[in-house]
Every structure is written in C-alpha cells, then in structure tokens.
PDB file of all heavy atoms in Angstrom:
ATOM      1  N   ARG A   1       0.836  -1.205   0.000  1.00  0.00           N
ATOM      2  CA  ARG A   1       0.000   0.000   0.000  1.00  0.00           C
ATOM      3  C   ARG A   1       0.868   1.251   0.000  1.00  0.00           C
ATOM      4  O   ARG A   1       1.722   1.416   0.883  1.00  0.00           O
ATOM      5  CB  ARG A   1      -0.903   0.001   1.233  1.00  0.00           C
ATOM      6  CG  ARG A   1      -1.916  -1.136   1.247  1.00  0.00           C
ATOM      7  CD  ARG A   1      -2.681  -1.140   2.550  1.00  0.00           C
ATOM      8  NE  ARG A   1      -3.805  -2.076   2.519  1.00  0.00           N
ATOM      9  CZ  ARG A   1      -4.640  -2.285   3.534  1.00  0.00           C
ATOM     10  NH1 ARG A   1      -4.448  -1.639   4.674  1.00  0.00           N
ATOM     11  NH2 ARG A   1      -5.631  -3.132   3.415  1.00  0.00           N
ATOM     12  N   LEU A   2       0.632   2.115  -0.967  1.00  0.00           N
ATOM     13  CA  LEU A   2       1.396   3.349  -1.114  1.00  0.00           C
ATOM     14  C   LEU A   2       0.510   4.560  -0.861  1.00  0.00           C
ATOM     15  O   LEU A   2      -0.524   4.734  -1.507  1.00  0.00           O
ATOM     16  CB  LEU A   2       1.974   3.445  -2.530  1.00  0.00           C
ATOM     17  CG  LEU A   2       2.664   4.777  -2.849  1.00  0.00           C
ATOM     18  CD1 LEU A   2       4.028   4.836  -2.191  1.00  0.00           C
ATOM     19  CD2 LEU A   2       2.786   4.990  -4.350  1.00  0.00           C
ATOM     20  N   GLY A   3       0.942   5.408   0.066  1.00  0.00           N
ATOM     21  CA  GLY A   3       0.279   6.683   0.299  1.00  0.00           C
ATOM     22  C   GLY A   3       1.147   7.813  -0.227  1.00  0.00           C
ATOM     23  O   GLY A   3       2.338   7.873   0.083  1.00  0.00           O
ATOM     24  N   ILE A   4       0.571   8.702  -1.026  1.00  0.00           N
ATOM     25  CA  ILE A   4       1.310   9.825  -1.590  1.00  0.00           C
ATOM     26  C   ILE A   4       0.794  11.112  -0.969  1.00  0.00           C
ATOM     27  O   ILE A   4      -0.409  11.393  -0.989  1.00  0.00           O
ATOM     28  CB  ILE A   4       1.169   9.886  -3.123  1.00  0.00           C
ATOM     29  CG1 ILE A   4       1.719   8.609  -3.758  1.00  0.00           C
ATOM     30  CG2 ILE A   4       1.889  11.111  -3.683  1.00  0.00           C
ATOM     31  CD1 ILE A   4       1.536   8.549  -5.262  1.00  0.00           C
ATOM     32  N   VAL A   5       1.711  11.885  -0.400  1.00  0.00           N
ATOM     33  CA  VAL A   5       1.370  13.180   0.186  1.00  0.00           C
ATOM     34  C   VAL A   5       1.680  14.251  -0.851  1.00  0.00           C
ATOM     35  O   VAL A   5       2.827  14.614  -1.070  1.00  0.00           O
ATOM     36  CB  VAL A   5       2.175  13.436   1.473  1.00  0.00           C
ATOM     37  CG1 VAL A   5       1.718  14.730   2.133  1.00  0.00           C
ATOM     38  CG2 VAL A   5       2.049  12.267   2.434  1.00  0.00           C
ATOM     39  N   GLY A   6       0.638  14.729  -1.538  1.00  0.00           N
ATOM     40  CA  GLY A   6       0.815  15.715  -2.588  1.00  0.00           C
ATOM     41  C   GLY A   6       0.749  15.085  -3.967  1.00  0.00           C
ATOM     42  O   GLY A   6       1.763  14.658  -4.510  1.00  0.00           O
ATOM     43  N   LEU A   7      -0.454  15.022  -4.544  1.00  0.00           N
ATOM     44  CA  LEU A   7      -0.615  14.391  -5.848  1.00  0.00           C
ATOM     45  C   LEU A   7      -0.598  15.455  -6.945  1.00  0.00           C
ATOM     46  O   LEU A   7      -1.569  15.631  -7.674  1.00  0.00           O
ATOM     47  CB  LEU A   7      -1.906  13.570  -5.907  1.00  0.00           C
ATOM     48  CG  LEU A   7      -1.971  12.547  -7.046  1.00  0.00           C
ATOM     49  CD1 LEU A   7      -1.014  11.393  -6.775  1.00  0.00           C
ATOM     50  CD2 LEU A   7      -3.390  12.009  -7.221  1.00  0.00           C
ATOM     51  N   GLY A   8       0.538  16.140  -7.043  1.00  0.00           N
ATOM     52  CA  GLY A   8       0.757  17.075  -8.135  1.00  0.00           C
ATOM     53  C   GLY A   8       1.416  16.367  -9.293  1.00  0.00           C
ATOM     54  O   GLY A   8       1.287  15.146  -9.466  1.00  0.00           O
ATOM     55  N   ARG A   9       2.170  17.135 -10.093  1.00  0.00           N
ATOM     56  CA  ARG A   9       2.821  16.540 -11.265  1.00  0.00           C
ATOM     57  C   ARG A   9       3.783  15.423 -10.867  1.00  0.00           C
ATOM     58  O   ARG A   9       3.787  14.345 -11.462  1.00  0.00           O
ATOM     59  CB  ARG A   9       3.560  17.635 -12.037  1.00  0.00           C
ATOM     60  CG  ARG A   9       2.651  18.647 -12.719  1.00  0.00           C
ATOM     61  CD  ARG A   9       3.462  19.707 -13.418  1.00  0.00           C
ATOM     62  NE  ARG A   9       4.184  20.547 -12.482  1.00  0.00           N
ATOM     63  CZ  ARG A   9       3.774  21.740 -12.072  1.00  0.00           C
ATOM     64  NH1 ARG A   9       2.643  22.234 -12.510  1.00  0.00           N
ATOM     65  NH2 ARG A   9       4.502  22.447 -11.228  1.00  0.00           N
ATOM     66  N   ILE A  10       4.602  15.680  -9.844  1.00  0.00           N
ATOM     67  CA  ILE A  10       5.570  14.673  -9.426  1.00  0.00           C
ATOM     68  C   ILE A  10       4.868  13.519  -8.723  1.00  0.00           C
ATOM     69  O   ILE A  10       5.207  12.348  -8.931  1.00  0.00           O
ATOM     70  CB  ILE A  10       6.643  15.308  -8.529  1.00  0.00           C
ATOM     71  CG1 ILE A  10       7.488  16.290  -9.365  1.00  0.00           C
ATOM     72  CG2 ILE A  10       7.530  14.256  -7.895  1.00  0.00           C
ATOM     73  CD1 ILE A  10       8.443  17.138  -8.553  1.00  0.00           C
ATOM     74  N   GLY A  11       3.884  13.822  -7.889  1.00  0.00           N
ATOM     75  CA  GLY A  11       3.140  12.765  -7.211  1.00  0.00           C
ATOM     76  C   GLY A  11       2.487  11.809  -8.183  1.00  0.00           C
ATOM     77  O   GLY A  11       2.480  10.585  -7.979  1.00  0.00           O
ATOM     78  N   ARG A  12       1.945  12.348  -9.269  1.00  0.00           N
ATOM     79  CA  ARG A  12       1.324  11.479 -10.274  1.00  0.00           C
ATOM     80  C   ARG A  12       2.366  10.616 -10.982  1.00  0.00           C
ATOM     81  O   ARG A  12       2.103   9.449 -11.309  1.00  0.00           O
ATOM     82  CB  ARG A  12       0.575  12.331 -11.306  1.00  0.00           C
ATOM     83  CG  ARG A  12      -0.638  13.045 -10.748  1.00  0.00           C
ATOM     84  CD  ARG A  12      -1.436  13.675 -11.857  1.00  0.00           C
ATOM     85  NE  ARG A  12      -2.381  14.655 -11.349  1.00  0.00           N
ATOM     86  CZ  ARG A  12      -3.483  15.030 -11.988  1.00  0.00           C
ATOM     87  NH1 ARG A  12      -3.772  14.493 -13.157  1.00  0.00           N
ATOM     88  NH2 ARG A  12      -4.279  15.933 -11.477  1.00  0.00           N
ATOM     89  N   ALA A  13       3.539  11.191 -11.230  1.00  0.00           N
ATOM     90  CA  ALA A  13       4.603  10.407 -11.873  1.00  0.00           C
ATOM     91  C   ALA A  13       5.066   9.270 -10.966  1.00  0.00           C
ATOM     92  O   ALA A  13       5.384   8.170 -11.437  1.00  0.00           O
ATOM     93  CB  ALA A  13       5.773  11.317 -12.240  1.00  0.00           C
ATOM     94  N   ILE A  14       5.091   9.519  -9.663  1.00  0.00           N
ATOM     95  CA  ILE A  14       5.437   8.465  -8.703  1.00  0.00           C
ATOM     96  C   ILE A  14       4.370   7.372  -8.707  1.00  0.00           C
ATOM     97  O   ILE A  14       4.672   6.174  -8.727  1.00  0.00           O
ATOM     98  CB  ILE A  14       5.610   9.058  -7.294  1.00  0.00           C
ATOM     99  CG1 ILE A  14       6.829   9.981  -7.256  1.00  0.00           C
ATOM    100  CG2 ILE A  14       5.738   7.948  -6.247  1.00  0.00           C
ATOM    101  CD1 ILE A  14       6.906  10.840  -6.015  1.00  0.00           C
ATOM    102  N   ALA A  15       3.100   7.785  -8.689  1.00  0.00           N
ATOM    103  CA  ALA A  15       2.005   6.814  -8.695  1.00  0.00           C
ATOM    104  C   ALA A  15       2.067   5.930  -9.934  1.00  0.00           C
ATOM    105  O   ALA A  15       1.840   4.712  -9.859  1.00  0.00           O
ATOM    106  CB  ALA A  15       0.667   7.552  -8.635  1.00  0.00           C
ATOM    107  N   LYS A  16       2.375   6.520 -11.079  1.00  0.00           N
ATOM    108  CA  LYS A  16       2.474   5.753 -12.332  1.00  0.00           C
ATOM    109  C   LYS A  16       3.535   4.674 -12.218  1.00  0.00           C
ATOM    110  O   LYS A  16       3.332   3.529 -12.658  1.00  0.00           O
ATOM    111  CB  LYS A  16       2.794   6.709 -13.475  1.00  0.00           C
ATOM    112  CG  LYS A  16       2.920   6.051 -14.832  1.00  0.00           C
ATOM    113  CD  LYS A  16       3.231   7.090 -15.895  1.00  0.00           C
ATOM    114  CE  LYS A  16       3.404   6.447 -17.262  1.00  0.00           C
ATOM    115  NZ  LYS A  16       3.738   7.472 -18.301  1.00  0.00           N
ATOM    116  N   ARG A  17       4.656   5.007 -11.622  1.00  0.00           N
ATOM    117  CA  ARG A  17       5.731   4.022 -11.467  1.00  0.00           C
ATOM    118  C   ARG A  17       5.341   2.933 -10.473  1.00  0.00           C
ATOM    119  O   ARG A  17       5.605   1.745 -10.696  1.00  0.00           O
ATOM    120  CB  ARG A  17       7.014   4.731 -11.026  1.00  0.00           C
ATOM    121  CG  ARG A  17       7.684   5.480 -12.170  1.00  0.00           C
ATOM    122  CD  ARG A  17       8.539   6.640 -11.683  1.00  0.00           C
ATOM    123  NE  ARG A  17       9.264   7.259 -12.785  1.00  0.00           N
ATOM    124  CZ  ARG A  17       8.693   8.067 -13.688  1.00  0.00           C
ATOM    125  NH1 ARG A  17       7.400   8.346 -13.607  1.00  0.00           N
ATOM    126  NH2 ARG A  17       9.408   8.586 -14.670  1.00  0.00           N
ATOM    127  N   CYS A  18       4.724   3.336  -9.372  1.00  0.00           N
ATOM    128  CA  CYS A  18       4.363   2.354  -8.349  1.00  0.00           C
ATOM    129  C   CYS A  18       3.262   1.408  -8.821  1.00  0.00           C
ATOM    130  O   CYS A  18       3.181   0.262  -8.369  1.00  0.00           O
ATOM    131  CB  CYS A  18       3.931   3.079  -7.076  1.00  0.00           C
ATOM    132  SG  CYS A  18       5.315   3.878  -6.217  1.00  0.00           S
ATOM    133  N   ALA A  19       2.426   1.877  -9.742  1.00  0.00           N
ATOM    134  CA  ALA A  19       1.401   0.998 -10.310  1.00  0.00           C
ATOM    135  C   ALA A  19       2.050  -0.184 -11.019  1.00  0.00           C
ATOM    136  O   ALA A  19       1.485  -1.285 -11.058  1.00  0.00           O
ATOM    137  CB  ALA A  19       0.517   1.781 -11.278  1.00  0.00           C
ATOM    138  N   GLY A  20       3.259   0.016 -11.553  1.00  0.00           N
ATOM    139  CA  GLY A  20       3.985  -1.076 -12.189  1.00  0.00           C
ATOM    140  C   GLY A  20       4.435  -2.142 -11.213  1.00  0.00           C
ATOM    141  O   GLY A  20       4.789  -3.253 -11.627  1.00  0.00           O
ATOM    142  N   PHE A  21       4.418  -1.820  -9.931  1.00  0.00           N
ATOM    143  CA  PHE A  21       4.737  -2.789  -8.883  1.00  0.00           C
ATOM    144  C   PHE A  21       3.454  -3.327  -8.225  1.00  0.00           C
ATOM    145  O   PHE A  21       3.511  -3.892  -7.133  1.00  0.00           O
ATOM    146  CB  PHE A  21       5.637  -2.148  -7.823  1.00  0.00           C
ATOM    147  CG  PHE A  21       7.057  -1.952  -8.283  1.00  0.00           C
ATOM    148  CD1 PHE A  21       7.418  -0.822  -9.011  1.00  0.00           C
ATOM    149  CD2 PHE A  21       8.029  -2.891  -8.010  1.00  0.00           C
ATOM    150  CE1 PHE A  21       8.713  -0.631  -9.440  1.00  0.00           C
ATOM    151  CE2 PHE A  21       9.335  -2.712  -8.439  1.00  0.00           C
ATOM    152  CZ  PHE A  21       9.681  -1.585  -9.169  1.00  0.00           C
ATOM    153  N   ASP A  22       2.334  -3.115  -8.897  1.00  0.00           N
ATOM    154  CA  ASP A  22       1.029  -3.605  -8.407  1.00  0.00           C
ATOM    155  C   ASP A  22       0.707  -3.070  -7.012  1.00  0.00           C
ATOM    156  O   ASP A  22       0.069  -3.758  -6.200  1.00  0.00           O
ATOM    157  CB  ASP A  22       0.988  -5.133  -8.400  1.00  0.00           C
ATOM    158  CG  ASP A  22       1.072  -5.714  -9.801  1.00  0.00           C
ATOM    159  OD1 ASP A  22       0.541  -5.079 -10.731  1.00  0.00           O
ATOM    160  OD2 ASP A  22       1.703  -6.783  -9.967  1.00  0.00           O
ATOM    161  N   MET A  23       1.141  -1.862  -6.728  1.00  0.00           N
ATOM    162  CA  MET A  23       0.856  -1.269  -5.424  1.00  0.00           C
ATOM    163  C   MET A  23      -0.541  -0.641  -5.426  1.00  0.00           C
ATOM    164  O   MET A  23      -0.985  -0.082  -6.437  1.00  0.00           O
ATOM    165  CB  MET A  23       1.903  -0.211  -5.075  1.00  0.00           C
ATOM    166  CG  MET A  23       3.323  -0.749  -5.008  1.00  0.00           C
ATOM    167  SD  MET A  23       4.543   0.493  -4.473  1.00  0.00           S
ATOM    168  CE  MET A  23       4.351   0.382  -2.697  1.00  0.00           C
ATOM    169  N   GLU A  24      -1.227  -0.744  -4.311  1.00  0.00           N
ATOM    170  CA  GLU A  24      -2.506  -0.061  -4.131  1.00  0.00           C
ATOM    171  C   GLU A  24      -2.191   1.373  -3.700  1.00  0.00           C
ATOM    172  O   GLU A  24      -1.406   1.585  -2.767  1.00  0.00           O
ATOM    173  CB  GLU A  24      -3.350  -0.769  -3.072  1.00  0.00           C
ATOM    174  CG  GLU A  24      -4.733  -0.174  -2.903  1.00  0.00           C
ATOM    175  CD  GLU A  24      -5.557  -0.892  -1.849  1.00  0.00           C
ATOM    176  OE1 GLU A  24      -5.113  -1.964  -1.371  1.00  0.00           O
ATOM    177  OE2 GLU A  24      -6.633  -0.375  -1.500  1.00  0.00           O
ATOM    178  N   ILE A  25      -2.795   2.344  -4.356  1.00  0.00           N
ATOM    179  CA  ILE A  25      -2.388   3.740  -4.185  1.00  0.00           C
ATOM    180  C   ILE A  25      -3.536   4.600  -3.659  1.00  0.00           C
ATOM    181  O   ILE A  25      -4.659   4.557  -4.187  1.00  0.00           O
ATOM    182  CB  ILE A  25      -1.875   4.320  -5.524  1.00  0.00           C
ATOM    183  CG1 ILE A  25      -0.673   3.518  -6.025  1.00  0.00           C
ATOM    184  CG2 ILE A  25      -1.512   5.799  -5.383  1.00  0.00           C
ATOM    185  CD1 ILE A  25      -0.302   3.780  -7.464  1.00  0.00           C
ATOM    186  N   ARG A  26      -3.235   5.362  -2.642  1.00  0.00           N
ATOM    187  CA  ARG A  26      -4.128   6.409  -2.152  1.00  0.00           C
ATOM    188  C   ARG A  26      -3.307   7.677  -1.954  1.00  0.00           C
ATOM    189  O   ARG A  26      -2.082   7.628  -1.946  1.00  0.00           O
ATOM    190  CB  ARG A  26      -4.796   6.000  -0.836  1.00  0.00           C
ATOM    191  CG  ARG A  26      -5.709   4.788  -0.962  1.00  0.00           C
ATOM    192  CD  ARG A  26      -6.394   4.470   0.362  1.00  0.00           C
ATOM    193  NE  ARG A  26      -7.170   3.239   0.281  1.00  0.00           N
ATOM    194  CZ  ARG A  26      -7.876   2.722   1.276  1.00  0.00           C
ATOM    195  NH1 ARG A  26      -7.909   3.351   2.456  1.00  0.00           N
ATOM    196  NH2 ARG A  26      -8.549   1.603   1.114  1.00  0.00           N
ATOM    197  N   TYR A  27      -3.991   8.808  -1.783  1.00  0.00           N
ATOM    198  CA  TYR A  27      -3.252  10.062  -1.655  1.00  0.00           C
ATOM    199  C   TYR A  27      -3.963  11.036  -0.727  1.00  0.00           C
ATOM    200  O   TYR A  27      -5.166  10.909  -0.461  1.00  0.00           O
ATOM    201  CB  TYR A  27      -3.061  10.712  -3.034  1.00  0.00           C
ATOM    202  CG  TYR A  27      -4.334  11.308  -3.619  1.00  0.00           C
ATOM    203  CD1 TYR A  27      -4.614  12.675  -3.501  1.00  0.00           C
ATOM    204  CD2 TYR A  27      -5.260  10.512  -4.286  1.00  0.00           C
ATOM    205  CE1 TYR A  27      -5.778  13.213  -4.036  1.00  0.00           C
ATOM    206  CE2 TYR A  27      -6.422  11.042  -4.822  1.00  0.00           C
ATOM    207  CZ  TYR A  27      -6.675  12.400  -4.696  1.00  0.00           C
ATOM    208  OH  TYR A  27      -7.829  12.934  -5.206  1.00  0.00           O
ATOM    209  N   HIS A  28      -3.183  12.005  -0.251  1.00  0.00           N
ATOM    210  CA  HIS A  28      -3.733  13.105   0.552  1.00  0.00           C
ATOM    211  C   HIS A  28      -3.298  14.427  -0.064  1.00  0.00           C
ATOM    212  O   HIS A  28      -2.117  14.626  -0.363  1.00  0.00           O
ATOM    213  CB  HIS A  28      -3.237  13.023   1.999  1.00  0.00           C
ATOM    214  CG  HIS A  28      -3.622  14.213   2.820  1.00  0.00           C
ATOM    215  ND1 HIS A  28      -4.892  14.404   3.312  1.00  0.00           N
ATOM    216  CD2 HIS A  28      -2.895  15.304   3.214  1.00  0.00           C
ATOM    217  CE1 HIS A  28      -4.934  15.539   3.997  1.00  0.00           C
ATOM    218  NE2 HIS A  28      -3.741  16.110   3.937  1.00  0.00           N
ATOM    219  N   ASN A  29      -4.238  15.311  -0.283  1.00  0.00           N
ATOM    220  CA  ASN A  29      -4.037  16.674  -0.788  1.00  0.00           C
ATOM    221  C   ASN A  29      -4.875  17.621   0.047  1.00  0.00           C
ATOM    222  O   ASN A  29      -5.686  17.191   0.872  1.00  0.00           O
ATOM    223  CB  ASN A  29      -4.514  16.779  -2.247  1.00  0.00           C
ATOM    224  CG  ASN A  29      -3.392  16.664  -3.253  1.00  0.00           C
ATOM    225  OD1 ASN A  29      -2.350  16.098  -2.960  1.00  0.00           O
ATOM    226  ND2 ASN A  29      -3.611  17.198  -4.441  1.00  0.00           N
ATOM    227  N   ARG A  30      -4.736  18.911  -0.214  1.00  0.00           N
ATOM    228  CA  ARG A  30      -5.646  19.862   0.416  1.00  0.00           C
ATOM    229  C   ARG A  30      -7.078  19.611  -0.026  1.00  0.00           C
ATOM    230  O   ARG A  30      -8.025  19.860   0.704  1.00  0.00           O
ATOM    231  CB  ARG A  30      -5.241  21.291   0.053  1.00  0.00           C
ATOM    232  CG  ARG A  30      -3.912  21.709   0.658  1.00  0.00           C
ATOM    233  CD  ARG A  30      -3.473  23.041   0.127  1.00  0.00           C
ATOM    234  NE  ARG A  30      -2.135  23.381   0.588  1.00  0.00           N
ATOM    235  CZ  ARG A  30      -1.396  24.351   0.077  1.00  0.00           C
ATOM    236  NH1 ARG A  30      -1.877  25.081  -0.928  1.00  0.00           N
ATOM    237  NH2 ARG A  30      -0.200  24.606   0.555  1.00  0.00           N
ATOM    238  N   ARG A  31      -7.219  19.140  -1.272  1.00  0.00           N
ATOM    239  CA  ARG A  31      -8.541  18.817  -1.808  1.00  0.00           C
ATOM    240  C   ARG A  31      -8.388  17.672  -2.810  1.00  0.00           C
ATOM    241  O   ARG A  31      -7.293  17.446  -3.326  1.00  0.00           O
ATOM    242  CB  ARG A  31      -9.167  20.044  -2.480  1.00  0.00           C
ATOM    243  CG  ARG A  31      -8.362  20.585  -3.621  1.00  0.00           C
ATOM    244  CD  ARG A  31      -8.909  21.916  -4.115  1.00  0.00           C
ATOM    245  NE  ARG A  31      -8.784  22.941  -3.104  1.00  0.00           N
ATOM    246  CZ  ARG A  31      -7.680  23.682  -2.932  1.00  0.00           C
ATOM    247  NH1 ARG A  31      -6.610  23.477  -3.678  1.00  0.00           N
ATOM    248  NH2 ARG A  31      -7.628  24.613  -2.002  1.00  0.00           N
ATOM    249  N   PRO A  32      -9.472  16.954  -3.096  1.00  0.00           N
ATOM    250  CA  PRO A  32      -9.380  15.845  -4.060  1.00  0.00           C
ATOM    251  C   PRO A  32      -8.959  16.336  -5.442  1.00  0.00           C
ATOM    252  O   PRO A  32      -9.231  17.474  -5.836  1.00  0.00           O
ATOM    253  CB  PRO A  32     -10.804  15.276  -4.089  1.00  0.00           C
ATOM    254  CG  PRO A  32     -11.414  15.708  -2.793  1.00  0.00           C
ATOM    255  CD  PRO A  32     -10.812  17.038  -2.471  1.00  0.00           C
ATOM    256  N   VAL A  33      -8.275  15.462  -6.177  1.00  0.00           N
ATOM    257  CA  VAL A  33      -7.836  15.752  -7.540  1.00  0.00           C
ATOM    258  C   VAL A  33      -8.781  15.068  -8.512  1.00  0.00           C
ATOM    259  O   VAL A  33      -9.098  13.885  -8.352  1.00  0.00           O
ATOM    260  CB  VAL A  33      -6.394  15.244  -7.768  1.00  0.00           C
ATOM    261  CG1 VAL A  33      -5.949  15.491  -9.205  1.00  0.00           C
ATOM    262  CG2 VAL A  33      -5.443  15.923  -6.788  1.00  0.00           C
ATOM    263  N   ALA A  34      -9.227  15.813  -9.517  1.00  0.00           N
ATOM    264  CA  ALA A  34     -10.120  15.235 -10.525  1.00  0.00           C
ATOM    265  C   ALA A  34      -9.330  14.325 -11.466  1.00  0.00           C
ATOM    266  O   ALA A  34      -8.115  14.431 -11.572  1.00  0.00           O
ATOM    267  CB  ALA A  34     -10.803  16.354 -11.318  1.00  0.00           C
ATOM    268  N   ASP A  35     -10.014  13.457 -12.136  1.00  0.00           N
ATOM    269  CA  ASP A  35      -9.511  12.577 -13.200  1.00  0.00           C
ATOM    270  C   ASP A  35      -8.307  11.725 -12.808  1.00  0.00           C
ATOM    271  O   ASP A  35      -7.405  11.520 -13.607  1.00  0.00           O
ATOM    272  CB  ASP A  35      -9.224  13.372 -14.483  1.00  0.00           C
ATOM    273  CG  ASP A  35      -8.037  14.336 -14.394  1.00  0.00           C
ATOM    274  OD1 ASP A  35      -7.256  14.251 -13.436  1.00  0.00           O
ATOM    275  OD2 ASP A  35      -7.873  15.166 -15.292  1.00  0.00           O
ATOM    276  N   VAL A  36      -8.288  11.226 -11.571  1.00  0.00           N
ATOM    277  CA  VAL A  36      -7.269  10.248 -11.187  1.00  0.00           C
ATOM    278  C   VAL A  36      -7.980   9.014 -10.625  1.00  0.00           C
ATOM    279  O   VAL A  36      -9.042   9.135 -10.016  1.00  0.00           O
ATOM    280  CB  VAL A  36      -6.271  10.802 -10.133  1.00  0.00           C
ATOM    281  CG1 VAL A  36      -5.474  11.956 -10.711  1.00  0.00           C
ATOM    282  CG2 VAL A  36      -6.966  11.213  -8.849  1.00  0.00           C
ATOM    283  N   PRO A  37      -7.404   7.838 -10.804  1.00  0.00           N
ATOM    284  CA  PRO A  37      -8.072   6.620 -10.349  1.00  0.00           C
ATOM    285  C   PRO A  37      -7.785   6.265  -8.893  1.00  0.00           C
ATOM    286  O   PRO A  37      -8.226   5.215  -8.413  1.00  0.00           O
ATOM    287  CB  PRO A  37      -7.491   5.550 -11.278  1.00  0.00           C
ATOM    288  CG  PRO A  37      -6.115   6.036 -11.580  1.00  0.00           C
ATOM    289  CD  PRO A  37      -6.205   7.538 -11.613  1.00  0.00           C
ATOM    290  N   TYR A  38      -7.038   7.115  -8.186  1.00  0.00           N
ATOM    291  CA  TYR A  38      -6.594   6.779  -6.835  1.00  0.00           C
ATOM    292  C   TYR A  38      -7.563   7.343  -5.799  1.00  0.00           C
ATOM    293  O   TYR A  38      -8.121   8.431  -5.976  1.00  0.00           O
ATOM    294  CB  TYR A  38      -5.190   7.330  -6.592  1.00  0.00           C
ATOM    295  CG  TYR A  38      -4.271   7.147  -7.763  1.00  0.00           C
ATOM    296  CD1 TYR A  38      -3.715   8.247  -8.417  1.00  0.00           C
ATOM    297  CD2 TYR A  38      -3.973   5.865  -8.242  1.00  0.00           C
ATOM    298  CE1 TYR A  38      -2.888   8.082  -9.515  1.00  0.00           C
ATOM    299  CE2 TYR A  38      -3.135   5.696  -9.336  1.00  0.00           C
ATOM    300  CZ  TYR A  38      -2.602   6.816  -9.973  1.00  0.00           C
ATOM    301  OH  TYR A  38      -1.798   6.658 -11.063  1.00  0.00           O
ATOM    302  N   ARG A  39      -7.700   6.628  -4.708  1.00  0.00           N
ATOM    303  CA  ARG A  39      -8.622   7.058  -3.653  1.00  0.00           C
ATOM    304  C   ARG A  39      -8.032   8.200  -2.840  1.00  0.00           C
ATOM    305  O   ARG A  39      -6.860   8.179  -2.466  1.00  0.00           O
ATOM    306  CB  ARG A  39      -8.939   5.874  -2.737  1.00  0.00           C
ATOM    307  CG  ARG A  39      -9.821   6.232  -1.558  1.00  0.00           C
ATOM    308  CD  ARG A  39     -10.288   4.987  -0.830  1.00  0.00           C
ATOM    309  NE  ARG A  39     -10.810   5.303   0.483  1.00  0.00           N
ATOM    310  CZ  ARG A  39     -11.346   4.415   1.316  1.00  0.00           C
ATOM    311  NH1 ARG A  39     -11.431   3.145   0.935  1.00  0.00           N
ATOM    312  NH2 ARG A  39     -11.787   4.776   2.505  1.00  0.00           N
ATOM    313  N   TYR A  40      -8.862   9.194  -2.568  1.00  0.00           N
ATOM    314  CA  TYR A  40      -8.463  10.362  -1.775  1.00  0.00           C
ATOM    315  C   TYR A  40      -8.702  10.090  -0.302  1.00  0.00           C
ATOM    316  O   TYR A  40      -9.752   9.577   0.084  1.00  0.00           O
ATOM    317  CB  TYR A  40      -9.275  11.575  -2.220  1.00  0.00           C
ATOM    318  CG  TYR A  40      -9.108  12.797  -1.353  1.00  0.00           C
ATOM    319  CD1 TYR A  40      -7.921  13.513  -1.351  1.00  0.00           C
ATOM    320  CD2 TYR A  40     -10.161  13.247  -0.547  1.00  0.00           C
ATOM    321  CE1 TYR A  40      -7.771  14.653  -0.559  1.00  0.00           C
ATOM    322  CE2 TYR A  40     -10.023  14.382   0.241  1.00  0.00           C
ATOM    323  CZ  TYR A  40      -8.822  15.074   0.231  1.00  0.00           C
ATOM    324  OH  TYR A  40      -8.681  16.195   1.012  1.00  0.00           O
ATOM    325  N   GLU A  41      -7.712  10.436   0.525  1.00  0.00           N
ATOM    326  CA  GLU A  41      -7.852  10.348   1.983  1.00  0.00           C
ATOM    327  C   GLU A  41      -7.836  11.760   2.551  1.00  0.00           C
ATOM    328  O   GLU A  41      -6.846  12.481   2.402  1.00  0.00           O
ATOM    329  CB  GLU A  41      -6.712   9.531   2.588  1.00  0.00           C
ATOM    330  CG  GLU A  41      -6.775   8.042   2.306  1.00  0.00           C
ATOM    331  CD  GLU A  41      -7.847   7.339   3.133  1.00  0.00           C
ATOM    332  OE1 GLU A  41      -8.382   7.963   4.079  1.00  0.00           O
ATOM    333  OE2 GLU A  41      -8.147   6.171   2.825  1.00  0.00           O
ATOM    334  N   ALA A  42      -8.910  12.177   3.152  1.00  0.00           N
ATOM    335  CA  ALA A  42      -9.002  13.538   3.687  1.00  0.00           C
ATOM    336  C   ALA A  42      -8.078  13.746   4.868  1.00  0.00           C
ATOM    337  O   ALA A  42      -7.641  14.874   5.135  1.00  0.00           O
ATOM    338  CB  ALA A  42     -10.444  13.838   4.089  1.00  0.00           C
TER     339      ALA A  42
END
C-alpha cells in the first residue's frame, strides 16, 4: 500500500511508477484531484 502526500505533477509520476509494482495507491491533498483513479484520503 502506497500513500502519496501531494498528488501534483511529481506525485502522479510516482504513482504511475508504483502501479507497475502492483501497489494499491491512495493520496492526501488539500482537496481531491479530478480525473485520477486513486482514492483520496481527507
């Protein structure tokens, strides 16, 4: 399980790489990000 703090440009690039390792991905931002398949954690 991978948690990303800050799903900006770099955060998305990290998520893309981690998906190649079959990691389950969630993220935390100030607000949810549109058009991403990852679950937002408030």
